[in-house]
Amino acid sequence: MDRDTTAQSMDRGLLLLRVGLGLMFMVCHGGPKLFGGPEQWAKVGAAMSHLGITIAPVAWGFLAAASEFAGGFCLILGLFTRPAAAFMAITMAVATTMHLRQGDGLPMASHAIEAGLVFLALLLTGPGRYSLDRAFARPVDASRYTLP
């Protein structure tokens, strides 16, 4: 396999990963929480108590739900991918902490851990070629990076 074919495969893989994970987070995680309203937000936000933060659970729950829903949408489009992945990774870190502190054990925390790892990987790799981030990026002046 030559370099171009490998790069195309990686970009296609990143596209599949972003769209699949983004869609699942919008539909199965963020959407139900976000559209569940303040009562649902309070339940989700109560997870912050495992970090010693007991103030404003409704606000924290709304932010977590919005992170999963809007973050999923951003992943699908490949728009603001790194910030979306960062917010989603933080949300998964809180979910992991909640599961472990509640005594749920690793099997119950594994989904949040696995998703968090994927979000961290997207934070490092970026969205790939097939993304709005890439389409809107300014061209890089390669002459700035050459030796004199």
C-alpha atoms as a PDB file:
ATOM      1  CA  MET A   1       0.000   0.000   0.000  1.00  0.00           C
ATOM      2  CA  ASP A   2       1.433   3.367  -0.916  1.00  0.00           C
ATOM      3  CA  ARG A   3       1.250   6.493   1.236  1.00  0.00           C
ATOM      4  CA  ASP A   4      -1.699   8.020  -0.658  1.00  0.00           C
ATOM      5  CA  THR A   5      -3.797   4.872  -0.291  1.00  0.00           C
ATOM      6  CA  THR A   6      -2.966   4.646   3.413  1.00  0.00           C
ATOM      7  CA  ALA A   7      -3.881   8.311   3.957  1.00  0.00           C
ATOM      8  CA  GLN A   8      -7.178   7.845   2.091  1.00  0.00           C
ATOM      9  CA  SER A   9      -7.986   4.789   4.190  1.00  0.00           C
ATOM     10  CA  MET A  10      -7.252   6.698   7.391  1.00  0.00           C
ATOM     11  CA  ASP A  11      -9.415   9.623   6.283  1.00  0.00           C
ATOM     12  CA  ARG A  12     -12.277   7.282   5.395  1.00  0.00           C
ATOM     13  CA  GLY A  13     -11.882   5.514   8.718  1.00  0.00           C
ATOM     14  CA  LEU A  14     -11.987   8.820  10.595  1.00  0.00           C
ATOM     15  CA  LEU A  15     -15.110   9.826   8.657  1.00  0.00           C
ATOM     16  CA  LEU A  16     -16.842   6.546   9.528  1.00  0.00           C
ATOM     17  CA  LEU A  17     -15.810   6.855  13.168  1.00  0.00           C
ATOM     18  CA  ARG A  18     -16.957  10.479  13.454  1.00  0.00           C
ATOM     19  CA  VAL A  19     -20.310   9.970  11.728  1.00  0.00           C
ATOM     20  CA  GLY A  20     -21.134   6.708  13.501  1.00  0.00           C
ATOM     21  CA  LEU A  21     -20.143   7.839  16.974  1.00  0.00           C
ATOM     22  CA  GLY A  22     -21.598  11.316  16.482  1.00  0.00           C
ATOM     23  CA  LEU A  23     -24.952   9.919  15.378  1.00  0.00           C
ATOM     24  CA  MET A  24     -25.110   7.473  18.276  1.00  0.00           C
ATOM     25  CA  PHE A  25     -24.291  10.187  20.795  1.00  0.00           C
ATOM     26  CA  MET A  26     -26.924  12.526  19.358  1.00  0.00           C
ATOM     27  CA  VAL A  27     -29.701   9.935  19.183  1.00  0.00           C
ATOM     28  CA  CYS A  28     -28.999   7.590  22.110  1.00  0.00           C
ATOM     29  CA  HIS A  29     -27.233   9.743  24.683  1.00  0.00           C
ATOM     30  CA  GLY A  30     -27.397  13.513  24.252  1.00  0.00           C
ATOM     31  CA  GLY A  31     -30.846  13.778  22.661  1.00  0.00           C
ATOM     32  CA  PRO A  32     -32.830  11.968  25.357  1.00  0.00           C
ATOM     33  CA  LYS A  33     -30.986  13.883  28.073  1.00  0.00           C
ATOM     34  CA  LEU A  34     -31.239  17.269  26.370  1.00  0.00           C
ATOM     35  CA  PHE A  35     -34.925  16.948  25.477  1.00  0.00           C
ATOM     36  CA  GLY A  36     -35.720  15.410  28.870  1.00  0.00           C
ATOM     37  CA  GLY A  37     -35.808  18.896  30.354  1.00  0.00           C
ATOM     38  CA  PRO A  38     -34.714  20.240  33.746  1.00  0.00           C
ATOM     39  CA  GLU A  39     -35.733  17.146  35.695  1.00  0.00           C
ATOM     40  CA  GLN A  40     -33.503  14.973  33.508  1.00  0.00           C
ATOM     41  CA  TRP A  41     -30.707  17.574  33.589  1.00  0.00           C
ATOM     42  CA  ALA A  42     -30.762  17.532  37.401  1.00  0.00           C
ATOM     43  CA  LYS A  43     -30.336  13.741  37.415  1.00  0.00           C
ATOM     44  CA  VAL A  44     -27.434  13.907  34.960  1.00  0.00           C
ATOM     45  CA  GLY A  45     -25.872  16.877  36.751  1.00  0.00           C
ATOM     46  CA  ALA A  46     -25.943  15.027  40.064  1.00  0.00           C
ATOM     47  CA  ALA A  47     -22.915  13.092  38.763  1.00  0.00           C
ATOM     48  CA  MET A  48     -20.830  16.164  39.570  1.00  0.00           C
ATOM     49  CA  SER A  49     -21.329  15.408  43.259  1.00  0.00           C
ATOM     50  CA  HIS A  50     -18.818  12.581  42.800  1.00  0.00           C
ATOM     51  CA  LEU A  51     -16.268  15.302  42.085  1.00  0.00           C
ATOM     52  CA  GLY A  52     -17.336  17.302  45.138  1.00  0.00           C
ATOM     53  CA  ILE A  53     -19.437  19.785  43.129  1.00  0.00           C
ATOM     54  CA  THR A  54     -22.985  19.937  44.444  1.00  0.00           C
ATOM     55  CA  ILE A  55     -24.043  23.380  43.214  1.00  0.00           C
ATOM     56  CA  ALA A  56     -26.238  23.817  40.102  1.00  0.00           C
ATOM     57  CA  PRO A  57     -26.888  20.198  39.072  1.00  0.00           C
ATOM     58  CA  VAL A  58     -29.451  21.344  36.484  1.00  0.00           C
ATOM     59  CA  ALA A  59     -26.842  23.551  34.778  1.00  0.00           C
ATOM     60  CA  TRP A  60     -24.201  20.795  34.838  1.00  0.00           C
ATOM     61  CA  GLY A  61     -26.700  18.271  33.476  1.00  0.00           C
ATOM     62  CA  PHE A  62     -27.715  20.619  30.688  1.00  0.00           C
ATOM     63  CA  LEU A  63     -24.045  21.168  29.782  1.00  0.00           C
ATOM     64  CA  ALA A  64     -23.387  17.412  29.722  1.00  0.00           C
ATOM     65  CA  ALA A  65     -26.457  16.745  27.565  1.00  0.00           C
ATOM     66  CA  ALA A  66     -25.593  19.632  25.235  1.00  0.00           C
ATOM     67  CA  SER A  67     -22.020  18.376  25.026  1.00  0.00           C
ATOM     68  CA  GLU A  68     -23.193  14.939  23.918  1.00  0.00           C
ATOM     69  CA  PHE A  69     -25.842  16.220  21.497  1.00  0.00           C
ATOM     70  CA  ALA A  70     -24.067  19.228  19.951  1.00  0.00           C
ATOM     71  CA  GLY A  71     -20.734  17.426  20.156  1.00  0.00           C
ATOM     72  CA  GLY A  72     -22.193  14.500  18.237  1.00  0.00           C
ATOM     73  CA  PHE A  73     -23.513  16.900  15.594  1.00  0.00           C
ATOM     74  CA  CYS A  74     -20.101  18.560  15.322  1.00  0.00           C
ATOM     75  CA  LEU A  75     -18.412  15.177  14.936  1.00  0.00           C
ATOM     76  CA  ILE A  76     -20.785  14.223  12.122  1.00  0.00           C
ATOM     77  CA  LEU A  77     -19.948  17.408  10.239  1.00  0.00           C
ATOM     78  CA  GLY A  78     -16.296  17.416  11.213  1.00  0.00           C
ATOM     79  CA  LEU A  79     -16.808  20.975  12.450  1.00  0.00           C
ATOM     80  CA  PHE A  80     -15.035  22.176  15.609  1.00  0.00           C
ATOM     81  CA  THR A  81     -13.996  18.544  15.965  1.00  0.00           C
ATOM     82  CA  ARG A  82     -11.209  19.006  18.485  1.00  0.00           C
ATOM     83  CA  PRO A  83     -13.172  21.245  20.887  1.00  0.00           C
ATOM     84  CA  ALA A  84     -16.216  18.951  20.595  1.00  0.00           C
ATOM     85  CA  ALA A  85     -14.055  15.905  21.311  1.00  0.00           C
ATOM     86  CA  ALA A  86     -12.505  17.666  24.315  1.00  0.00           C
ATOM     87  CA  PHE A  87     -15.908  18.508  25.837  1.00  0.00           C
ATOM     88  CA  MET A  88     -17.164  14.996  25.171  1.00  0.00           C
ATOM     89  CA  ALA A  89     -14.032  13.446  26.720  1.00  0.00           C
ATOM     90  CA  ILE A  90     -14.540  15.551  29.853  1.00  0.00           C
ATOM     91  CA  THR A  91     -18.183  14.445  29.994  1.00  0.00           C
ATOM     92  CA  MET A  92     -17.045  10.814  29.745  1.00  0.00           C
ATOM     93  CA  ALA A  93     -14.478  11.369  32.513  1.00  0.00           C
ATOM     94  CA  VAL A  94     -17.286  12.565  34.808  1.00  0.00           C
ATOM     95  CA  ALA A  95     -19.458   9.590  33.803  1.00  0.00           C
ATOM     96  CA  THR A  96     -16.558   7.208  34.484  1.00  0.00           C
ATOM     97  CA  THR A  97     -15.946   8.762  37.892  1.00  0.00           C
ATOM     98  CA  MET A  98     -19.640   8.494  38.756  1.00  0.00           C
ATOM     99  CA  HIS A  99     -19.818   4.802  37.847  1.00  0.00           C
ATOM    100  CA  LEU A 100     -16.656   3.920  39.739  1.00  0.00           C
ATOM    101  CA  ARG A 101     -17.556   5.959  42.850  1.00  0.00           C
ATOM    102  CA  GLN A 102     -21.047   4.426  42.935  1.00  0.00           C
ATOM    103  CA  GLY A 103     -19.405   1.014  43.060  1.00  0.00           C
ATOM    104  CA  ASP A 104     -20.700  -0.016  39.640  1.00  0.00           C
ATOM    105  CA  GLY A 105     -17.292  -1.428  38.777  1.00  0.00           C
ATOM    106  CA  LEU A 106     -15.351  -1.468  35.567  1.00  0.00           C
ATOM    107  CA  PRO A 107     -17.969  -3.302  33.462  1.00  0.00           C
ATOM    108  CA  MET A 108     -20.513  -0.478  34.021  1.00  0.00           C
ATOM    109  CA  ALA A 109     -17.898   2.234  33.542  1.00  0.00           C
ATOM    110  CA  SER A 110     -16.424   0.643  30.421  1.00  0.00           C
ATOM    111  CA  HIS A 111     -18.694   2.429  27.914  1.00  0.00           C
ATOM    112  CA  ALA A 112     -17.736   5.854  29.256  1.00  0.00           C
ATOM    113  CA  ILE A 113     -14.066   4.868  29.360  1.00  0.00           C
ATOM    114  CA  GLU A 114     -14.101   3.522  25.798  1.00  0.00           C
ATOM    115  CA  ALA A 115     -15.957   6.532  24.410  1.00  0.00           C
ATOM    116  CA  GLY A 116     -13.624   8.854  26.301  1.00  0.00           C
ATOM    117  CA  LEU A 117     -10.609   7.155  24.743  1.00  0.00           C
ATOM    118  CA  VAL A 118     -12.092   7.570  21.264  1.00  0.00           C
ATOM    119  CA  PHE A 119     -12.756  11.268  21.937  1.00  0.00           C
ATOM    120  CA  LEU A 120      -9.175  11.729  23.148  1.00  0.00           C
ATOM    121  CA  ALA A 121      -7.918  10.018  19.990  1.00  0.00           C
ATOM    122  CA  LEU A 122     -10.038  12.392  17.850  1.00  0.00           C
ATOM    123  CA  LEU A 123      -8.665  15.296  19.861  1.00  0.00           C
ATOM    124  CA  LEU A 124      -5.154  14.184  18.882  1.00  0.00           C
ATOM    125  CA  THR A 125      -5.782  13.162  15.263  1.00  0.00           C
ATOM    126  CA  GLY A 126      -8.342  15.736  14.233  1.00  0.00           C
ATOM    127  CA  PRO A 127     -11.238  15.008  11.893  1.00  0.00           C
ATOM    128  CA  GLY A 128      -9.364  13.921   8.786  1.00  0.00           C
ATOM    129  CA  ARG A 129      -9.714  15.119   5.221  1.00  0.00           C
ATOM    130  CA  TYR A 130     -13.475  14.661   4.872  1.00  0.00           C
ATOM    131  CA  SER A 131     -14.571  17.375   7.286  1.00  0.00           C
ATOM    132  CA  LEU A 132     -15.747  20.960   7.398  1.00  0.00           C
ATOM    133  CA  ASP A 133     -12.781  21.762   9.627  1.00  0.00           C
ATOM    134  CA  ARG A 134     -10.509  20.798   6.750  1.00  0.00           C
ATOM    135  CA  ALA A 135     -12.657  22.610   4.161  1.00  0.00           C
ATOM    136  CA  PHE A 136     -12.547  25.870   6.130  1.00  0.00           C
ATOM    137  CA  ALA A 137      -8.880  25.622   7.148  1.00  0.00           C
ATOM    138  CA  ARG A 138      -6.520  28.285   5.908  1.00  0.00           C
ATOM    139  CA  PRO A 139      -3.823  27.012   3.593  1.00  0.00           C
ATOM    140  CA  VAL A 140      -0.494  26.507   5.326  1.00  0.00           C
ATOM    141  CA  ASP A 141       2.459  28.494   4.022  1.00  0.00           C
ATOM    142  CA  ALA A 142       4.993  25.680   3.640  1.00  0.00           C
ATOM    143  CA  SER A 143       7.847  28.148   3.186  1.00  0.00           C
ATOM    144  CA  ARG A 144       7.559  28.999   6.894  1.00  0.00           C
ATOM    145  CA  TYR A 145       8.666  25.463   7.725  1.00  0.00           C
ATOM    146  CA  THR A 146      11.656  25.070   5.436  1.00  0.00           C
ATOM    147  CA  LEU A 147      15.222  25.438   6.543  1.00  0.00           C
ATOM    148  CA  PRO A 148      17.151  28.427   5.164  1.00  0.00           C
END
